Amino acid sequence: MDLTMKDLRLHTLRGDIQQIGMESDYNKRGIRKILEQRYVCGTDIPVTQEEFDSTLNEEYIKVEAWRARQNG
């Protein structure tokens, strides 16, 4: 599988969402505040707002499930 720089950027975004979510008690809004500027505007390889929102939604579901297992 050939990955483009954009694919790698989205993969890194997923990892950053998971890392912040698992190492802190930030909610989705807090994670957005930390990462949105960096990924949507602050790079030579930006992701679109739609890509950012979709990725955040997908990964935050995983973070919530992980947190539930940790507290369960």
C-alpha atoms as a PDB file:
ATOM      1  CA  MET A   1       0.000   0.000   0.000  1.00  0.00           C
ATOM      2  CA  ASP A   2       1.384   3.378  -0.988  1.00  0.00           C
ATOM      3  CA  LEU A   3       0.711   6.083   1.531  1.00  0.00           C
ATOM      4  CA  THR A   4       0.652   9.704   0.546  1.00  0.00           C
ATOM      5  CA  MET A   5       1.848  12.482   2.801  1.00  0.00           C
ATOM      6  CA  LYS A   6      -1.829  13.319   3.435  1.00  0.00           C
ATOM      7  CA  ASP A   7      -2.498   9.717   4.540  1.00  0.00           C
ATOM      8  CA  LEU A   8       0.443   9.905   6.914  1.00  0.00           C
ATOM      9  CA  ARG A   9      -0.810  13.232   8.261  1.00  0.00           C
ATOM     10  CA  LEU A  10      -4.256  11.745   8.969  1.00  0.00           C
ATOM     11  CA  HIS A  11      -2.644   8.710  10.606  1.00  0.00           C
ATOM     12  CA  THR A  12      -0.634  11.022  12.853  1.00  0.00           C
ATOM     13  CA  LEU A  13      -3.788  12.966  13.711  1.00  0.00           C
ATOM     14  CA  ARG A  14      -5.486   9.731  14.784  1.00  0.00           C
ATOM     15  CA  GLY A  15      -2.553   8.892  17.026  1.00  0.00           C
ATOM     16  CA  ASP A  16      -2.481  12.356  18.568  1.00  0.00           C
ATOM     17  CA  ILE A  17      -6.214  12.209  19.348  1.00  0.00           C
ATOM     18  CA  GLN A  18      -5.803   8.823  21.005  1.00  0.00           C
ATOM     19  CA  GLN A  19      -2.727   9.885  22.953  1.00  0.00           C
ATOM     20  CA  ILE A  20      -4.307  13.056  24.326  1.00  0.00           C
ATOM     21  CA  GLY A  21      -7.544  11.231  25.087  1.00  0.00           C
ATOM     22  CA  MET A  22      -5.821   8.427  26.948  1.00  0.00           C
ATOM     23  CA  GLU A  23      -3.313  10.558  28.843  1.00  0.00           C
ATOM     24  CA  SER A  24      -5.700  13.289  29.968  1.00  0.00           C
ATOM     25  CA  ASP A  25      -9.324  13.905  30.801  1.00  0.00           C
ATOM     26  CA  TYR A  26      -9.882  16.312  27.911  1.00  0.00           C
ATOM     27  CA  ASN A  27     -13.261  16.043  26.267  1.00  0.00           C
ATOM     28  CA  LYS A  28     -13.741  16.247  22.499  1.00  0.00           C
ATOM     29  CA  ARG A  29     -13.850  20.046  22.586  1.00  0.00           C
ATOM     30  CA  GLY A  30     -10.573  20.190  24.502  1.00  0.00           C
ATOM     31  CA  ILE A  31      -8.854  17.841  22.080  1.00  0.00           C
ATOM     32  CA  ARG A  32     -10.177  19.916  19.184  1.00  0.00           C
ATOM     33  CA  LYS A  33      -8.776  23.071  20.751  1.00  0.00           C
ATOM     34  CA  ILE A  34      -5.329  21.493  21.032  1.00  0.00           C
ATOM     35  CA  LEU A  35      -5.118  19.907  17.591  1.00  0.00           C
ATOM     36  CA  GLU A  36      -7.360  21.772  15.157  1.00  0.00           C
ATOM     37  CA  GLN A  37      -5.078  24.705  14.465  1.00  0.00           C
ATOM     38  CA  ARG A  38      -2.054  22.442  14.104  1.00  0.00           C
ATOM     39  CA  TYR A  39      -3.654  20.094  11.584  1.00  0.00           C
ATOM     40  CA  VAL A  40      -6.074  22.281   9.643  1.00  0.00           C
ATOM     41  CA  CYS A  41      -4.034  25.470   9.316  1.00  0.00           C
ATOM     42  CA  GLY A  42      -0.593  25.045  10.793  1.00  0.00           C
ATOM     43  CA  THR A  43       1.246  22.832   8.355  1.00  0.00           C
ATOM     44  CA  ASP A  44       2.481  22.437   4.812  1.00  0.00           C
ATOM     45  CA  ILE A  45       0.222  19.387   4.540  1.00  0.00           C
ATOM     46  CA  PRO A  46      -3.097  20.553   5.991  1.00  0.00           C
ATOM     47  CA  VAL A  47      -6.133  18.350   6.398  1.00  0.00           C
ATOM     48  CA  THR A  48      -9.513  19.763   5.523  1.00  0.00           C
ATOM     49  CA  GLN A  49     -11.946  20.781   8.224  1.00  0.00           C
ATOM     50  CA  GLU A  50     -14.191  17.918   7.123  1.00  0.00           C
ATOM     51  CA  GLU A  51     -11.343  15.396   7.399  1.00  0.00           C
ATOM     52  CA  PHE A  52     -10.405  16.752  10.818  1.00  0.00           C
ATOM     53  CA  ASP A  53     -13.985  16.610  12.111  1.00  0.00           C
ATOM     54  CA  SER A  54     -14.557  13.107  10.793  1.00  0.00           C
ATOM     55  CA  THR A  55     -11.300  11.794  12.230  1.00  0.00           C
ATOM     56  CA  LEU A  56     -11.933  13.425  15.596  1.00  0.00           C
ATOM     57  CA  ASN A  57     -15.415  11.899  15.767  1.00  0.00           C
ATOM     58  CA  GLU A  58     -14.147   8.420  14.886  1.00  0.00           C
ATOM     59  CA  GLU A  59     -11.215   8.472  17.272  1.00  0.00           C
ATOM     60  CA  TYR A  60     -13.047  10.087  20.167  1.00  0.00           C
ATOM     61  CA  ILE A  61     -15.520   7.184  20.162  1.00  0.00           C
ATOM     62  CA  LYS A  62     -12.517   4.889  20.662  1.00  0.00           C
ATOM     63  CA  VAL A  63     -11.168   7.127  23.435  1.00  0.00           C
ATOM     64  CA  GLU A  64     -14.509   7.038  25.255  1.00  0.00           C
ATOM     65  CA  ALA A  65     -14.646   3.239  24.970  1.00  0.00           C
ATOM     66  CA  TRP A  66     -11.086   2.960  26.291  1.00  0.00           C
ATOM     67  CA  ARG A  67     -11.924   5.261  29.201  1.00  0.00           C
ATOM     68  CA  ALA A  68     -15.030   3.212  30.032  1.00  0.00           C
ATOM     69  CA  ARG A  69     -12.947   0.023  30.152  1.00  0.00           C
ATOM     70  CA  GLN A  70     -10.392   1.721  32.424  1.00  0.00           C
ATOM     71  CA  ASN A  71     -13.091   2.885  34.821  1.00  0.00           C
ATOM     72  CA  GLY A  72     -15.269  -0.210  34.539  1.00  0.00           C
END
